[in-house]
C-alpha cells in the first residue's frame, strides 16, 4: 500500500506528464532504484549515473587504478547503468573499457561518450576509437562536447543515428559557458540529450536550460553536482537537517543529489568518484523519496545558512 507521501508524489508526477510521457521520476517499489524516461523514446534510465572526468584518467596498474573495479562494482550493485566519458578525459575511456572487459558478465550498460575535435573525418575516427576503448559495439549516446565544431559533428551524428550506429545524440557544456549558443542548438536541432552543470549552489540552469529541455522533450544529464567538491566546505561537520531525514538521506552527498533530482526536468545525474565508499553513498540517492517544492525551498534555506556561517 502506498503511503500518503508516495500518493502525493505520484500525483505530482502525473501532473508533470507531457505528451503521454512522464517528465519526472516514476514511483519505484521499495528497494528499486528510481528511473526517469528519456522523453524522445520513453526508455527508462536510473536517475544516478557515473561520470569519469579526472577519476578514471589514470594509468593501468597505477595505485589510483586499483579501487576503480570496486567503484564500478558498487555502481552496478546500486542499480546504475549510465556511464559517461569523453576523449577529453584522457585515459578514462580506456580504463572503463578495461574494467568492463575484465568482468565475466558485465551488467546492462548505457554507454555514453562525446566527440571533441574539429573536422568530419577526425570526428568519425575519434568516435570509432572511443568505441574500441570503452569496449562497446554501439554507443547508446554520443554528444558533441563543449560545442566543438558542433555543426559538422552533429551532422555526422544525425546520419549515424539514422544508420543505427548510435541510439541517441546530444550536446554538452561542462563549464556552464556558451549558454546562448547552447540554447540556440537546443531550440533548432533534433537532440535527444543535453548535458550541463547544475547544483544547489549553481542554479543558472533553472532559468532557461531546464525549461527549454522540458519544452523540447530533451533528456538532461547533469554534471558537477557537487561543484567539484566545493559544496562540502559549507556542510563539513554540520548535522543533517530534518528535511534530509524526511527524504531518507544519510549524507550530505545524498542531500545534494536529491536536491537536483527534485527538479522534474532532470533525467540523470552523473557524479564522478574514485572512491568505492563514495560510490555506494551516491547510489543511495537514487532510492526513496524525492523533494517536493516546499522541501527544495527548505534545502536551499539550510544550505544558504550553512554557507553564510562557514
Protein backbone atom coordinates (compact mmCIF):
# COMPACT_ATOMS: atom_id res chain seq x y z
CA UNK A 1 0.00 0.00 0.00
CA UNK A 2 1.30 3.47 -0.90
CA UNK A 3 1.97 5.92 1.90
CA UNK A 4 0.44 9.39 1.87
CA UNK A 5 3.77 10.85 0.72
CA UNK A 6 4.02 8.33 -2.11
CA UNK A 7 0.48 9.14 -3.22
CA UNK A 8 1.30 12.85 -3.25
CA UNK A 9 4.46 12.15 -5.23
CA UNK A 10 2.55 10.04 -7.73
CA UNK A 11 0.00 12.84 -8.18
CA UNK A 12 2.79 15.34 -8.80
CA UNK A 13 4.37 13.03 -11.35
CA UNK A 14 1.12 12.62 -13.23
CA UNK A 15 0.79 16.41 -13.33
CA UNK A 16 4.24 16.54 -14.94
CA UNK A 17 3.21 14.21 -17.76
CA UNK A 18 3.85 15.82 -21.11
CA UNK A 19 2.50 14.30 -24.29
CA UNK A 20 1.89 10.97 -22.56
CA UNK A 21 5.47 10.69 -21.29
CA UNK A 22 6.43 11.38 -17.70
CA UNK A 23 8.94 14.15 -17.24
CA UNK A 24 9.71 13.16 -13.67
CA UNK A 25 10.78 10.15 -11.65
CA UNK A 26 8.36 7.25 -11.75
CA UNK A 27 7.39 5.99 -8.28
CA UNK A 28 9.52 2.95 -7.54
CA UNK A 29 8.62 -0.01 -5.34
CA UNK A 30 10.58 -0.23 -2.10
CA UNK A 31 14.14 -1.30 -2.82
CA UNK A 32 14.06 -0.44 -6.54
CA UNK A 33 16.15 2.44 -7.95
CA UNK A 34 14.26 5.46 -9.25
CA UNK A 35 14.13 5.81 -13.01
CA UNK A 36 13.14 8.59 -15.36
CA UNK A 37 12.16 8.45 -19.02
CA UNK A 38 14.12 9.69 -21.99
CA UNK A 39 11.41 11.99 -23.40
CA UNK A 40 12.02 11.12 -27.02
CA UNK A 41 11.63 7.37 -26.56
CA UNK A 42 10.14 6.65 -23.14
CA UNK A 43 13.10 4.42 -22.28
CA UNK A 44 13.63 4.49 -18.51
CA UNK A 45 17.05 5.27 -17.03
CA UNK A 46 18.26 5.10 -13.42
CA UNK A 47 18.48 8.66 -12.11
CA UNK A 48 22.03 8.21 -10.78
CA UNK A 49 24.74 7.60 -13.36
CA UNK A 50 28.52 7.81 -13.23
CA UNK A 51 30.89 10.40 -14.64
CA UNK A 52 34.55 9.61 -15.33
CA UNK A 53 36.22 13.02 -15.63
CA UNK A 54 39.51 13.03 -13.65
CA UNK A 55 38.54 9.99 -11.58
CA UNK A 56 39.22 7.38 -14.30
CA UNK A 57 42.08 9.24 -16.02
CA UNK A 58 44.82 7.02 -14.58
CA UNK A 59 47.43 4.65 -15.95
CA UNK A 60 46.74 0.92 -15.94
CA UNK A 61 48.39 -0.67 -12.92
CA UNK A 62 48.78 2.62 -11.09
CA UNK A 63 47.83 2.75 -7.40
CA UNK A 64 44.97 5.09 -8.29
CA UNK A 65 43.54 2.45 -10.66
CA UNK A 66 43.22 -0.26 -8.01
CA UNK A 67 39.93 0.92 -6.43
CA UNK A 68 38.22 1.53 -9.77
CA UNK A 69 36.90 -2.03 -10.16
CA UNK A 70 35.31 -1.71 -6.72
CA UNK A 71 33.85 1.63 -7.81
CA UNK A 72 32.32 0.03 -10.89
CA UNK A 73 31.01 -2.93 -8.89
CA UNK A 74 29.39 -0.59 -6.35
CA UNK A 75 27.83 1.37 -9.21
CA UNK A 76 26.24 -1.69 -10.81
CA UNK A 77 25.24 -3.12 -7.41
CA UNK A 78 23.35 0.11 -6.76
CA UNK A 79 21.35 -0.25 -9.95
CA UNK A 80 23.48 2.06 -12.09
CA UNK A 81 23.61 1.84 -15.88
CA UNK A 82 24.68 5.22 -17.32
CA UNK A 83 28.45 5.64 -17.63
CA UNK A 84 29.56 8.87 -19.27
CA UNK A 85 33.04 9.56 -20.60
CA UNK A 86 34.89 11.57 -23.24
CA UNK A 87 38.18 11.66 -25.18
CA UNK A 88 38.74 14.92 -23.27
CA UNK A 89 39.13 12.86 -20.09
CA UNK A 90 42.49 11.38 -21.03
CA UNK A 91 42.67 7.67 -20.25
CA UNK A 92 39.16 7.44 -18.77
CA UNK A 93 37.53 5.69 -21.72
CA UNK A 94 40.31 3.10 -21.82
CA UNK A 95 40.12 2.42 -18.06
CA UNK A 96 36.33 1.94 -18.25
CA UNK A 97 36.74 -0.42 -21.18
CA UNK A 98 39.49 -2.40 -19.48
CA UNK A 99 37.30 -2.93 -16.41
CA UNK A 100 34.27 -3.93 -18.48
CA UNK A 101 36.37 -6.39 -20.47
CA UNK A 102 37.62 -7.97 -17.24
CA UNK A 103 34.10 -8.61 -15.93
CA UNK A 104 32.81 -12.13 -16.77
CA UNK A 105 29.28 -10.84 -17.38
CA UNK A 106 29.02 -7.04 -17.37
CA UNK A 107 25.59 -5.84 -16.19
CA UNK A 108 23.34 -3.79 -18.53
CA UNK A 109 25.14 -0.61 -19.55
CA UNK A 110 24.02 2.68 -21.05
CA UNK A 111 27.32 3.78 -22.60
CA UNK A 112 27.76 7.49 -23.29
CA UNK A 113 30.69 9.42 -24.65
CA UNK A 114 31.41 12.57 -26.61
CA UNK A 115 33.10 13.76 -29.77
CA UNK A 116 35.61 16.52 -29.12
CA UNK A 117 37.52 17.52 -32.23
CA UNK A 118 37.35 19.53 -35.46
CA UNK A 119 36.56 18.07 -38.86
CA UNK A 120 34.33 15.31 -40.19
CA UNK A 121 36.97 12.63 -40.68
CA UNK A 122 38.65 13.38 -37.35
CA UNK A 123 35.28 13.20 -35.60
CA UNK A 124 34.41 9.86 -37.13
CA UNK A 125 37.84 8.43 -36.28
CA UNK A 126 37.57 9.69 -32.70
CA UNK A 127 34.14 8.12 -32.15
CA UNK A 128 35.28 4.79 -33.57
CA UNK A 129 38.33 4.87 -31.29
CA UNK A 130 36.11 5.66 -28.30
CA UNK A 131 34.06 2.54 -29.04
CA UNK A 132 37.21 0.41 -29.05
CA UNK A 133 38.47 1.96 -25.84
CA UNK A 134 35.20 1.58 -23.94
CA UNK A 135 34.52 -1.92 -25.27
CA UNK A 136 31.10 -1.15 -26.73
CA UNK A 137 29.75 -2.29 -30.08
CA UNK A 138 27.38 0.67 -30.32
CA UNK A 139 27.14 3.71 -28.08
CA UNK A 140 23.81 4.48 -26.53
CA UNK A 141 24.66 8.19 -26.57
CA UNK A 142 27.27 10.36 -28.26
CA UNK A 143 27.20 14.11 -27.66
CA UNK A 144 29.21 16.97 -29.14
CA UNK A 145 31.47 18.04 -26.28
CA UNK A 146 31.52 21.75 -25.42
CA UNK A 147 30.07 22.56 -28.85
CA UNK A 148 33.42 21.91 -30.59
CA UNK A 149 32.73 22.07 -34.36
CA UNK A 150 29.14 21.19 -33.47
CA UNK A 151 27.61 21.66 -36.92
CA UNK A 152 30.00 19.17 -38.52
CA UNK A 153 29.90 16.63 -35.70
CA UNK A 154 26.13 16.84 -35.20
CA UNK A 155 25.62 16.29 -38.91
CA UNK A 156 27.64 13.07 -38.65
CA UNK A 157 25.77 12.02 -35.52
CA UNK A 158 22.37 12.53 -37.15
CA UNK A 159 23.48 10.31 -40.01
CA UNK A 160 24.85 7.70 -37.60
CA UNK A 161 21.57 7.65 -35.73
CA UNK A 162 19.63 7.07 -38.96
CA UNK A 163 22.01 4.22 -39.80
CA UNK A 164 21.68 2.67 -36.32
CA UNK A 165 25.30 3.31 -35.33
CA UNK A 166 24.26 5.28 -32.23
CA UNK A 167 20.95 5.33 -30.35
CA UNK A 168 20.84 8.90 -29.04
CA UNK A 169 22.66 12.14 -29.85
CA UNK A 170 23.22 15.40 -28.00
CA UNK A 171 25.43 18.30 -26.98
CA UNK A 172 27.25 19.24 -23.77
CA UNK A 173 28.80 22.12 -21.92
CA UNK A 174 30.98 21.15 -18.98
CA UNK A 175 31.77 24.60 -17.63
CA UNK A 176 28.49 26.48 -17.84
CA UNK A 177 29.87 28.64 -20.65
CA UNK A 178 28.37 29.42 -24.07
CA UNK A 179 24.78 29.16 -22.87
CA UNK A 180 23.49 31.42 -25.67
CA UNK A 181 24.85 29.20 -28.45
CA UNK A 182 23.95 26.09 -26.47
CA UNK A 183 20.33 27.26 -26.29
CA UNK A 184 20.30 28.01 -30.00
CA UNK A 185 21.30 24.42 -30.76
CA UNK A 186 18.73 23.09 -28.27
CA UNK A 187 15.97 25.08 -29.95
CA UNK A 188 16.91 24.32 -33.55
CA UNK A 189 18.36 20.81 -33.67
CA UNK A 190 16.71 17.39 -33.08
CA UNK A 191 18.56 16.48 -29.88
CA UNK A 192 17.87 13.55 -27.57
CA UNK A 193 20.15 14.67 -24.71
CA UNK A 194 21.87 17.74 -23.34
CA UNK A 195 24.47 17.80 -20.57
CA UNK A 196 25.37 20.76 -18.38
CA UNK A 197 26.23 21.77 -14.81
CA UNK A 198 23.55 22.21 -12.15
CA UNK A 199 23.65 22.00 -8.36
CA UNK A 200 22.30 23.65 -5.22
CA UNK A 201 24.91 26.44 -5.46
CA UNK A 202 24.84 26.91 -9.25
CA UNK A 203 21.21 27.16 -10.32
CA UNK A 204 21.58 29.09 -13.57
CA UNK A 205 20.23 26.10 -15.46
CA UNK A 206 16.83 26.66 -13.83
CA UNK A 207 16.44 29.96 -15.69
CA UNK A 208 16.33 28.72 -19.29
CA UNK A 209 18.21 25.46 -19.90
CA UNK A 210 15.99 23.12 -17.88
CA UNK A 211 12.70 24.72 -19.02
CA UNK A 212 13.85 24.59 -22.64
CA UNK A 213 14.78 20.92 -22.30
CA UNK A 214 11.33 20.21 -20.84
CA UNK A 215 9.58 22.16 -23.60
CA UNK A 216 11.60 20.49 -26.36
CA UNK A 217 11.37 16.97 -24.92
CA UNK A 218 15.14 16.64 -24.43
CA UNK A 219 16.67 14.44 -21.72
CA UNK A 220 19.12 16.14 -19.36
CA UNK A 221 22.33 14.73 -17.92
CA UNK A 222 23.72 16.80 -15.04
CA UNK A 223 27.44 17.15 -14.38
CA UNK A 224 29.34 18.76 -11.47
CA UNK A 225 26.58 18.03 -8.93
CA UNK A 226 28.99 18.74 -6.06
CA UNK A 227 30.69 21.72 -7.72
CA UNK A 228 33.84 19.56 -7.79
CA UNK A 229 33.58 19.04 -4.05
CA UNK A 230 33.25 22.72 -3.14
CA UNK A 231 29.74 22.23 -1.72
CA UNK A 232 31.07 20.15 1.16
CA UNK A 233 33.10 23.06 2.53
CA UNK A 234 29.89 24.58 3.89
CA UNK A 235 28.49 21.35 5.37
CA UNK A 236 31.63 19.84 6.93
CA UNK A 237 30.82 18.84 10.49
CA UNK A 238 27.21 20.03 10.26
CA UNK A 239 24.41 17.63 11.24
CA UNK A 240 21.89 16.69 8.60
CA UNK A 241 18.69 18.75 8.81
CA UNK A 242 15.18 17.37 9.35
CA UNK A 243 14.38 17.64 5.63
CA UNK A 244 17.22 15.23 4.90
CA UNK A 245 15.67 12.69 7.27
CA UNK A 246 12.31 13.12 5.53
CA UNK A 247 13.96 12.23 2.23
CA UNK A 248 15.91 9.28 3.61
CA UNK A 249 19.31 10.97 3.18
CA UNK A 250 22.14 9.64 5.32
CA UNK A 251 24.81 12.01 3.98
CA UNK A 252 25.24 15.50 2.60
CA UNK A 253 26.19 13.96 -0.75
CA UNK A 254 22.76 12.35 -1.00
CA UNK A 255 21.19 15.64 0.12
CA UNK A 256 22.85 17.48 -2.80
CA UNK A 257 21.95 14.81 -5.35
CA UNK A 258 18.32 14.65 -4.24
CA UNK A 259 18.03 18.43 -4.50
CA UNK A 260 19.00 18.16 -8.18
CA UNK A 261 16.65 15.25 -8.79
CA UNK A 262 13.81 17.24 -7.26
CA UNK A 263 13.69 19.27 -10.47
CA UNK A 264 11.30 17.45 -12.82
CA UNK A 265 13.32 18.28 -15.96
CA UNK A 266 16.41 16.42 -14.69
CA UNK A 267 16.75 12.95 -16.21
CA UNK A 268 20.05 11.71 -14.78
CA UNK A 269 22.88 12.99 -12.57
CA UNK A 270 26.44 11.79 -13.15
CA UNK A 271 28.67 12.33 -10.09
CA UNK A 272 32.26 11.17 -10.53
CA UNK A 273 34.32 9.45 -7.85
CA UNK A 274 37.30 7.12 -7.48
CA UNK A 275 36.17 6.00 -4.01
CA UNK A 276 34.08 2.82 -3.66
CA UNK A 277 32.61 4.19 -0.43
CA UNK A 278 31.57 7.42 -2.09
CA UNK A 279 30.08 5.50 -4.99
CA UNK A 280 27.95 3.44 -2.60
CA UNK A 281 26.81 6.67 -0.98
CA UNK A 282 26.00 8.30 -4.33
CA UNK A 283 23.88 5.36 -5.43
CA UNK A 284 21.69 5.60 -2.32
CA UNK A 285 20.39 8.96 -3.58
CA UNK A 286 18.66 7.05 -6.36
CA UNK A 287 16.26 5.35 -3.95
CA UNK A 288 13.25 6.51 -1.97
CA UNK A 289 11.51 9.88 -1.92
CA UNK A 290 12.50 12.98 -3.86
CA UNK A 291 11.88 16.52 -2.58
CA UNK A 292 8.75 18.43 -3.46
CA UNK A 293 8.77 22.20 -4.00
CA UNK A 294 8.48 23.03 -0.31
CA UNK A 295 11.26 20.62 0.62
CA UNK A 296 13.55 22.03 -2.06
CA UNK A 297 12.99 25.51 -0.65
CA UNK A 298 13.90 24.23 2.79
CA UNK A 299 17.04 22.59 1.39
CA UNK A 300 18.02 25.90 -0.18
CA UNK A 301 17.41 27.72 3.11
CA UNK A 302 19.53 25.22 5.06
CA UNK A 303 22.41 25.35 2.61
CA UNK A 304 22.36 29.17 2.41
CA UNK A 305 22.51 29.39 6.21
CA UNK A 306 25.45 26.98 6.37
CA UNK A 307 27.36 28.89 3.69
CA UNK A 308 26.76 32.16 5.48
CA UNK A 309 28.16 30.75 8.72
CA UNK A 310 31.13 28.92 7.21
